[in-house]
PDB file of all heavy atoms in Angstrom:
ATOM      1  N   PHE A   1      94.260 114.315 101.719  1.00  0.00           N
ATOM      2  CA  PHE A   1      95.748 114.397 101.958  1.00  0.00           C
ATOM      3  C   PHE A   1      96.399 113.077 101.949  1.00  0.00           C
ATOM      4  O   PHE A   1      97.658 113.013 102.063  1.00  0.00           O
ATOM      5  CB  PHE A   1      96.000 115.083 103.232  1.00  0.00           C
ATOM      6  CG  PHE A   1      95.718 116.602 103.240  1.00  0.00           C
ATOM      7  CD1 PHE A   1      95.546 117.344 104.405  1.00  0.00           C
ATOM      8  CD2 PHE A   1      95.665 117.321 102.015  1.00  0.00           C
ATOM      9  CE1 PHE A   1      95.362 118.728 104.368  1.00  0.00           C
ATOM     10  CE2 PHE A   1      95.398 118.674 102.003  1.00  0.00           C
ATOM     11  CZ  PHE A   1      95.257 119.353 103.184  1.00  0.00           C
ATOM     12  N   ASN A   2      95.644 111.989 101.859  1.00  0.00           N
ATOM     13  CA  ASN A   2      96.279 110.651 101.926  1.00  0.00           C
ATOM     14  C   ASN A   2      96.042 109.818 100.651  1.00  0.00           C
ATOM     15  O   ASN A   2      94.915 109.744 100.146  1.00  0.00           O
ATOM     16  CB  ASN A   2      95.734 109.813 103.125  1.00  0.00           C
ATOM     17  CG  ASN A   2      96.242 110.396 104.470  1.00  0.00           C
ATOM     18  OD1 ASN A   2      95.415 110.647 105.353  1.00  0.00           O
ATOM     19  ND2 ASN A   2      97.518 110.639 104.563  1.00  0.00           N
ATOM     20  N   CYS A   3      97.087 109.210 100.169  1.00  0.00           N
ATOM     21  CA  CYS A   3      97.012 108.322  98.961  1.00  0.00           C
ATOM     22  C   CYS A   3      96.435 106.990  99.451  1.00  0.00           C
ATOM     23  O   CYS A   3      96.771 106.494 100.482  1.00  0.00           O
ATOM     24  CB  CYS A   3      98.437 108.116  98.436  1.00  0.00           C
ATOM     25  SG  CYS A   3      98.503 106.837  97.167  1.00  0.00           S
ATOM     26  N   PRO A   4      95.517 106.457  98.634  1.00  0.00           N
ATOM     27  CA  PRO A   4      94.938 105.146  98.992  1.00  0.00           C
ATOM     28  C   PRO A   4      95.909 103.976  99.114  1.00  0.00           C
ATOM     29  O   PRO A   4      95.589 102.978  99.698  1.00  0.00           O
ATOM     30  CB  PRO A   4      93.825 104.919  97.917  1.00  0.00           C
ATOM     31  CG  PRO A   4      94.313 105.745  96.796  1.00  0.00           C
ATOM     32  CD  PRO A   4      94.972 106.945  97.342  1.00  0.00           C
ATOM     33  N   SER A   5      97.066 104.127  98.509  1.00  0.00           N
ATOM     34  CA  SER A   5      98.078 103.065  98.611  1.00  0.00           C
ATOM     35  C   SER A   5      98.947 103.250  99.841  1.00  0.00           C
ATOM     36  O   SER A   5      99.820 102.371 100.073  1.00  0.00           O
ATOM     37  CB  SER A   5      98.992 103.094  97.358  1.00  0.00           C
ATOM     38  OG  SER A   5      98.268 102.666  96.256  1.00  0.00           O
ATOM     39  N   GLU A   6      98.806 104.316 100.599  1.00  0.00           N
ATOM     40  CA  GLU A   6      99.670 104.498 101.775  1.00  0.00           C
ATOM     41  C   GLU A   6      99.331 103.406 102.823  1.00  0.00           C
ATOM     42  O   GLU A   6      98.178 103.109 103.091  1.00  0.00           O
ATOM     43  CB  GLU A   6      99.328 105.889 102.423  1.00  0.00           C
ATOM     44  CG  GLU A   6     100.092 106.155 103.705  1.00  0.00           C
ATOM     45  CD  GLU A   6     101.580 105.967 103.626  1.00  0.00           C
ATOM     46  OE1 GLU A   6     102.221 106.647 102.803  1.00  0.00           O
ATOM     47  OE2 GLU A   6     102.084 105.096 104.401  1.00  0.00           O
ATOM     48  N   GLU A   7     100.431 102.891 103.383  1.00  0.00           N
ATOM     49  CA  GLU A   7     100.316 101.790 104.294  1.00  0.00           C
ATOM     50  C   GLU A   7     100.068 102.244 105.756  1.00  0.00           C
ATOM     51  O   GLU A   7      99.592 101.476 106.610  1.00  0.00           O
ATOM     52  CB  GLU A   7     101.523 100.909 104.305  1.00  0.00           C
ATOM     53  CG  GLU A   7     101.799 100.325 102.931  1.00  0.00           C
ATOM     54  CD  GLU A   7     103.193  99.776 102.722  1.00  0.00           C
ATOM     55  OE1 GLU A   7     104.028  99.929 103.713  1.00  0.00           O
ATOM     56  OE2 GLU A   7     103.488  99.122 101.731  1.00  0.00           O
ATOM     57  N   ASN A   8     100.404 103.507 106.092  1.00  0.00           N
ATOM     58  CA  ASN A   8     100.254 103.929 107.427  1.00  0.00           C
ATOM     59  C   ASN A   8      99.679 105.375 107.501  1.00  0.00           C
ATOM     60  O   ASN A   8     100.370 106.347 107.226  1.00  0.00           O
ATOM     61  CB  ASN A   8     101.640 103.968 108.131  1.00  0.00           C
ATOM     62  CG  ASN A   8     101.539 104.200 109.652  1.00  0.00           C
ATOM     63  OD1 ASN A   8     100.495 104.459 110.173  1.00  0.00           O
ATOM     64  ND2 ASN A   8     102.686 104.039 110.321  1.00  0.00           N
ATOM     65  N   THR A   9      98.417 105.452 107.846  1.00  0.00           N
ATOM     66  CA  THR A   9      97.739 106.712 108.008  1.00  0.00           C
ATOM     67  C   THR A   9      97.227 106.891 109.460  1.00  0.00           C
ATOM     68  O   THR A   9      96.331 107.722 109.707  1.00  0.00           O
ATOM     69  CB  THR A   9      96.560 106.832 106.997  1.00  0.00           C
ATOM     70  OG1 THR A   9      95.634 105.775 107.242  1.00  0.00           O
ATOM     71  CG2 THR A   9      97.073 106.764 105.543  1.00  0.00           C
ATOM     72  N   GLU A  10      97.816 106.183 110.340  1.00  0.00           N
ATOM     73  CA  GLU A  10      97.400 106.272 111.761  1.00  0.00           C
ATOM     74  C   GLU A  10      97.820 107.679 112.308  1.00  0.00           C
ATOM     75  O   GLU A  10      98.751 108.299 111.904  1.00  0.00           O
ATOM     76  CB  GLU A  10      98.108 105.199 112.628  1.00  0.00           C
ATOM     77  CG  GLU A  10      97.726 103.775 112.245  1.00  0.00           C
ATOM     78  CD  GLU A  10      96.267 103.491 112.462  1.00  0.00           C
ATOM     79  OE1 GLU A  10      95.746 103.969 113.490  1.00  0.00           O
ATOM     80  OE2 GLU A  10      95.648 102.875 111.588  1.00  0.00           O
ATOM     81  N   LEU A  11      96.980 108.168 113.238  1.00  0.00           N
ATOM     82  CA  LEU A  11      97.298 109.362 113.943  1.00  0.00           C
ATOM     83  C   LEU A  11      98.539 109.191 114.790  1.00  0.00           C
ATOM     84  O   LEU A  11      98.835 108.138 115.296  1.00  0.00           O
ATOM     85  CB  LEU A  11      96.132 109.819 114.846  1.00  0.00           C
ATOM     86  CG  LEU A  11      94.793 110.078 114.117  1.00  0.00           C
ATOM     87  CD1 LEU A  11      93.775 110.484 115.180  1.00  0.00           C
ATOM     88  CD2 LEU A  11      94.968 111.215 113.122  1.00  0.00           C
ATOM     89  N   ARG A  12      99.348 110.293 114.867  1.00  0.00           N
ATOM     90  CA  ARG A  12     100.598 110.227 115.713  1.00  0.00           C
ATOM     91  C   ARG A  12     100.311 111.031 116.972  1.00  0.00           C
ATOM     92  O   ARG A  12      99.913 112.182 116.920  1.00  0.00           O
ATOM     93  CB  ARG A  12     101.797 110.787 114.949  1.00  0.00           C
ATOM     94  CG  ARG A  12     103.041 110.715 115.764  1.00  0.00           C
ATOM     95  CD  ARG A  12     104.284 110.971 114.881  1.00  0.00           C
ATOM     96  NE  ARG A  12     104.362 112.422 114.525  1.00  0.00           N
ATOM     97  CZ  ARG A  12     104.861 113.327 115.270  1.00  0.00           C
ATOM     98  NH1 ARG A  12     105.442 113.083 116.447  1.00  0.00           N
ATOM     99  NH2 ARG A  12     104.940 114.600 114.824  1.00  0.00           N
ATOM    100  N   TYR A  13     100.709 110.414 118.129  1.00  0.00           N
ATOM    101  CA  TYR A  13     100.519 111.094 119.386  1.00  0.00           C
ATOM    102  C   TYR A  13     101.853 111.580 119.879  1.00  0.00           C
ATOM    103  O   TYR A  13     102.820 110.763 119.986  1.00  0.00           O
ATOM    104  CB  TYR A  13      99.889 110.166 120.372  1.00  0.00           C
ATOM    105  CG  TYR A  13      98.428 109.733 120.072  1.00  0.00           C
ATOM    106  CD1 TYR A  13      98.208 108.781 119.045  1.00  0.00           C
ATOM    107  CD2 TYR A  13      97.371 110.338 120.691  1.00  0.00           C
ATOM    108  CE1 TYR A  13      96.886 108.468 118.741  1.00  0.00           C
ATOM    109  CE2 TYR A  13      96.071 110.000 120.432  1.00  0.00           C
ATOM    110  CZ  TYR A  13      95.811 109.073 119.414  1.00  0.00           C
ATOM    111  OH  TYR A  13      94.555 108.749 119.042  1.00  0.00           O
ATOM    112  N   SER A  14     101.949 112.892 120.171  1.00  0.00           N
ATOM    113  CA  SER A  14     103.187 113.483 120.726  1.00  0.00           C
ATOM    114  C   SER A  14     102.827 114.386 121.825  1.00  0.00           C
ATOM    115  O   SER A  14     102.366 115.523 121.637  1.00  0.00           O
ATOM    116  CB  SER A  14     103.872 114.268 119.556  1.00  0.00           C
ATOM    117  OG  SER A  14     105.080 114.846 120.081  1.00  0.00           O
ATOM    118  N   GLY A  15     103.012 113.892 123.079  1.00  0.00           N
ATOM    119  CA  GLY A  15     102.593 114.674 124.222  1.00  0.00           C
ATOM    120  C   GLY A  15     101.103 114.822 124.230  1.00  0.00           C
ATOM    121  O   GLY A  15     100.289 113.952 124.121  1.00  0.00           O
ATOM    122  N   ASP A  16     100.718 116.138 124.341  1.00  0.00           N
ATOM    123  CA  ASP A  16      99.301 116.463 124.336  1.00  0.00           C
ATOM    124  C   ASP A  16      98.770 116.730 122.952  1.00  0.00           C
ATOM    125  O   ASP A  16      97.541 117.049 122.812  1.00  0.00           O
ATOM    126  CB  ASP A  16      99.024 117.730 125.209  1.00  0.00           C
ATOM    127  CG  ASP A  16      99.396 117.468 126.599  1.00  0.00           C
ATOM    128  OD1 ASP A  16      99.276 116.301 127.124  1.00  0.00           O
ATOM    129  OD2 ASP A  16      99.831 118.431 127.335  1.00  0.00           O
ATOM    130  N   ILE A  17      99.530 116.672 121.918  1.00  0.00           N
ATOM    131  CA  ILE A  17      99.118 116.966 120.572  1.00  0.00           C
ATOM    132  C   ILE A  17      98.976 115.701 119.730  1.00  0.00           C
ATOM    133  O   ILE A  17      99.821 114.810 119.829  1.00  0.00           O
ATOM    134  CB  ILE A  17     100.096 117.907 119.880  1.00  0.00           C
ATOM    135  CG1 ILE A  17     100.314 119.154 120.711  1.00  0.00           C
ATOM    136  CG2 ILE A  17      99.629 118.359 118.474  1.00  0.00           C
ATOM    137  CD1 ILE A  17      99.117 120.052 120.912  1.00  0.00           C
ATOM    138  N   ILE A  18      97.917 115.684 118.932  1.00  0.00           N
ATOM    139  CA  ILE A  18      97.697 114.512 118.026  1.00  0.00           C
ATOM    140  C   ILE A  18      97.914 115.090 116.597  1.00  0.00           C
ATOM    141  O   ILE A  18      97.398 116.183 116.296  1.00  0.00           O
ATOM    142  CB  ILE A  18      96.282 113.960 118.148  1.00  0.00           C
ATOM    143  CG1 ILE A  18      96.055 113.457 119.620  1.00  0.00           C
ATOM    144  CG2 ILE A  18      96.063 112.808 117.243  1.00  0.00           C
ATOM    145  CD1 ILE A  18      94.646 113.064 119.926  1.00  0.00           C
ATOM    146  N   TYR A  19      98.573 114.264 115.784  1.00  0.00           N
ATOM    147  CA  TYR A  19      98.828 114.728 114.388  1.00  0.00           C
ATOM    148  C   TYR A  19      98.266 113.752 113.402  1.00  0.00           C
ATOM    149  O   TYR A  19      98.357 112.472 113.596  1.00  0.00           O
ATOM    150  CB  TYR A  19     100.296 114.954 114.163  1.00  0.00           C
ATOM    151  CG  TYR A  19     100.951 115.953 115.031  1.00  0.00           C
ATOM    152  CD1 TYR A  19     101.689 115.661 116.129  1.00  0.00           C
ATOM    153  CD2 TYR A  19     100.874 117.301 114.653  1.00  0.00           C
ATOM    154  CE1 TYR A  19     102.309 116.613 116.926  1.00  0.00           C
ATOM    155  CE2 TYR A  19     101.481 118.316 115.439  1.00  0.00           C
ATOM    156  CZ  TYR A  19     102.249 117.955 116.545  1.00  0.00           C
ATOM    157  OH  TYR A  19     102.846 118.905 117.317  1.00  0.00           O
ATOM    158  N   ALA A  20      97.762 114.247 112.233  1.00  0.00           N
ATOM    159  CA  ALA A  20      97.391 113.397 111.159  1.00  0.00           C
ATOM    160  C   ALA A  20      98.388 113.492 110.030  1.00  0.00           C
ATOM    161  O   ALA A  20      98.895 114.619 109.678  1.00  0.00           O
ATOM    162  CB  ALA A  20      96.000 113.810 110.655  1.00  0.00           C
ATOM    163  N   PRO A  21      98.813 112.363 109.421  1.00  0.00           N
ATOM    164  CA  PRO A  21      99.908 112.409 108.394  1.00  0.00           C
ATOM    165  C   PRO A  21      99.414 112.855 107.047  1.00  0.00           C
ATOM    166  O   PRO A  21      98.228 113.026 106.792  1.00  0.00           O
ATOM    167  CB  PRO A  21     100.341 110.914 108.392  1.00  0.00           C
ATOM    168  CG  PRO A  21      99.126 110.166 108.737  1.00  0.00           C
ATOM    169  CD  PRO A  21      98.366 111.022 109.707  1.00  0.00           C
ATOM    170  N   ILE A  22     100.369 113.067 106.154  1.00  0.00           N
ATOM    171  CA  ILE A  22     100.021 113.586 104.825  1.00  0.00           C
ATOM    172  C   ILE A  22     100.949 112.895 103.757  1.00  0.00           C
ATOM    173  O   ILE A  22     102.121 112.592 104.028  1.00  0.00           O
ATOM    174  CB  ILE A  22     100.253 115.124 104.781  1.00  0.00           C
ATOM    175  CG1 ILE A  22      99.700 115.731 103.472  1.00  0.00           C
ATOM    176  CG2 ILE A  22     101.687 115.501 105.063  1.00  0.00           C
ATOM    177  CD1 ILE A  22      99.624 117.223 103.542  1.00  0.00           C
ATOM    178  N   ASN A  23     100.350 112.731 102.490  1.00  0.00           N
ATOM    179  CA  ASN A  23     101.077 112.088 101.440  1.00  0.00           C
ATOM    180  C   ASN A  23     101.418 113.072 100.222  1.00  0.00           C
ATOM    181  O   ASN A  23     102.001 112.570  99.296  1.00  0.00           O
ATOM    182  CB  ASN A  23     100.252 110.894 100.884  1.00  0.00           C
ATOM    183  CG  ASN A  23     100.337 109.662 101.744  1.00  0.00           C
ATOM    184  OD1 ASN A  23      99.356 109.270 102.340  1.00  0.00           O
ATOM    185  ND2 ASN A  23     101.497 109.092 101.819  1.00  0.00           N
ATOM    186  N   TYR A  24     100.869 114.271 100.346  1.00  0.00           N
ATOM    187  CA  TYR A  24     101.075 115.171  99.191  1.00  0.00           C
ATOM    188  C   TYR A  24     101.796 116.435  99.684  1.00  0.00           C
ATOM    189  O   TYR A  24     101.281 117.188 100.548  1.00  0.00           O
ATOM    190  CB  TYR A  24      99.725 115.520  98.547  1.00  0.00           C
ATOM    191  CG  TYR A  24      98.991 114.287  98.090  1.00  0.00           C
ATOM    192  CD1 TYR A  24      97.802 113.913  98.693  1.00  0.00           C
ATOM    193  CD2 TYR A  24      99.487 113.495  97.063  1.00  0.00           C
ATOM    194  CE1 TYR A  24      97.113 112.717  98.309  1.00  0.00           C
ATOM    195  CE2 TYR A  24      98.852 112.321  96.662  1.00  0.00           C
ATOM    196  CZ  TYR A  24      97.711 111.961  97.281  1.00  0.00           C
ATOM    197  OH  TYR A  24      97.045 110.785  96.911  1.00  0.00           O
ATOM    198  N   ALA A  25     102.944 116.629  99.174  1.00  0.00           N
ATOM    199  CA  ALA A  25     103.835 117.748  99.608  1.00  0.00           C
ATOM    200  C   ALA A  25     104.073 118.772  98.533  1.00  0.00           C
ATOM    201  O   ALA A  25     103.913 118.523  97.342  1.00  0.00           O
ATOM    202  CB  ALA A  25     105.220 117.105 100.030  1.00  0.00           C
ATOM    203  N   VAL A  26     104.430 119.953  98.947  1.00  0.00           N
ATOM    204  CA  VAL A  26     104.646 121.104  97.991  1.00  0.00           C
ATOM    205  C   VAL A  26     106.109 121.194  97.688  1.00  0.00           C
ATOM    206  O   VAL A  26     107.005 120.833  98.427  1.00  0.00           O
ATOM    207  CB  VAL A  26     104.110 122.406  98.594  1.00  0.00           C
ATOM    208  CG1 VAL A  26     102.612 122.358  98.780  1.00  0.00           C
ATOM    209  CG2 VAL A  26     104.801 122.769  99.929  1.00  0.00           C
ATOM    210  N   ASN A  27     106.397 121.737  96.502  1.00  0.00           N
ATOM    211  CA  ASN A  27     107.720 121.805  96.015  1.00  0.00           C
ATOM    212  C   ASN A  27     108.485 123.007  96.590  1.00  0.00           C
ATOM    213  O   ASN A  27     108.227 124.143  96.324  1.00  0.00           O
ATOM    214  CB  ASN A  27     107.688 122.020  94.437  1.00  0.00           C
ATOM    215  CG  ASN A  27     108.970 122.384  93.833  1.00  0.00           C
ATOM    216  OD1 ASN A  27     110.036 122.124  94.373  1.00  0.00           O
ATOM    217  ND2 ASN A  27     108.902 122.913  92.610  1.00  0.00           N
ATOM    218  N   MET A  28     109.527 122.619  97.428  1.00  0.00           N
ATOM    219  CA  MET A  28     110.326 123.631  98.088  1.00  0.00           C
ATOM    220  C   MET A  28     111.707 123.828  97.419  1.00  0.00           C
ATOM    221  O   MET A  28     112.634 124.464  98.039  1.00  0.00           O
ATOM    222  CB  MET A  28     110.579 123.272  99.554  1.00  0.00           C
ATOM    223  CG  MET A  28     109.255 123.112 100.363  1.00  0.00           C
ATOM    224  SD  MET A  28     108.284 124.644 100.400  1.00  0.00           S
ATOM    225  CE  MET A  28     109.299 125.664 101.518  1.00  0.00           C
ATOM    226  N   GLY A  29     111.869 123.286  96.199  1.00  0.00           N
ATOM    227  CA  GLY A  29     113.141 123.532  95.491  1.00  0.00           C
ATOM    228  C   GLY A  29     113.970 122.301  95.386  1.00  0.00           C
ATOM    229  O   GLY A  29     113.528 121.186  95.494  1.00  0.00           O
TER     230      GLY A  29
END
């Protein structure tokens, strides 16, 4: 889910939940 050229792939902490970022998105129009 991450491009090797991405500069920031650190996990994001929000309260009790940890999130991993993404570089590839789907077409919503």
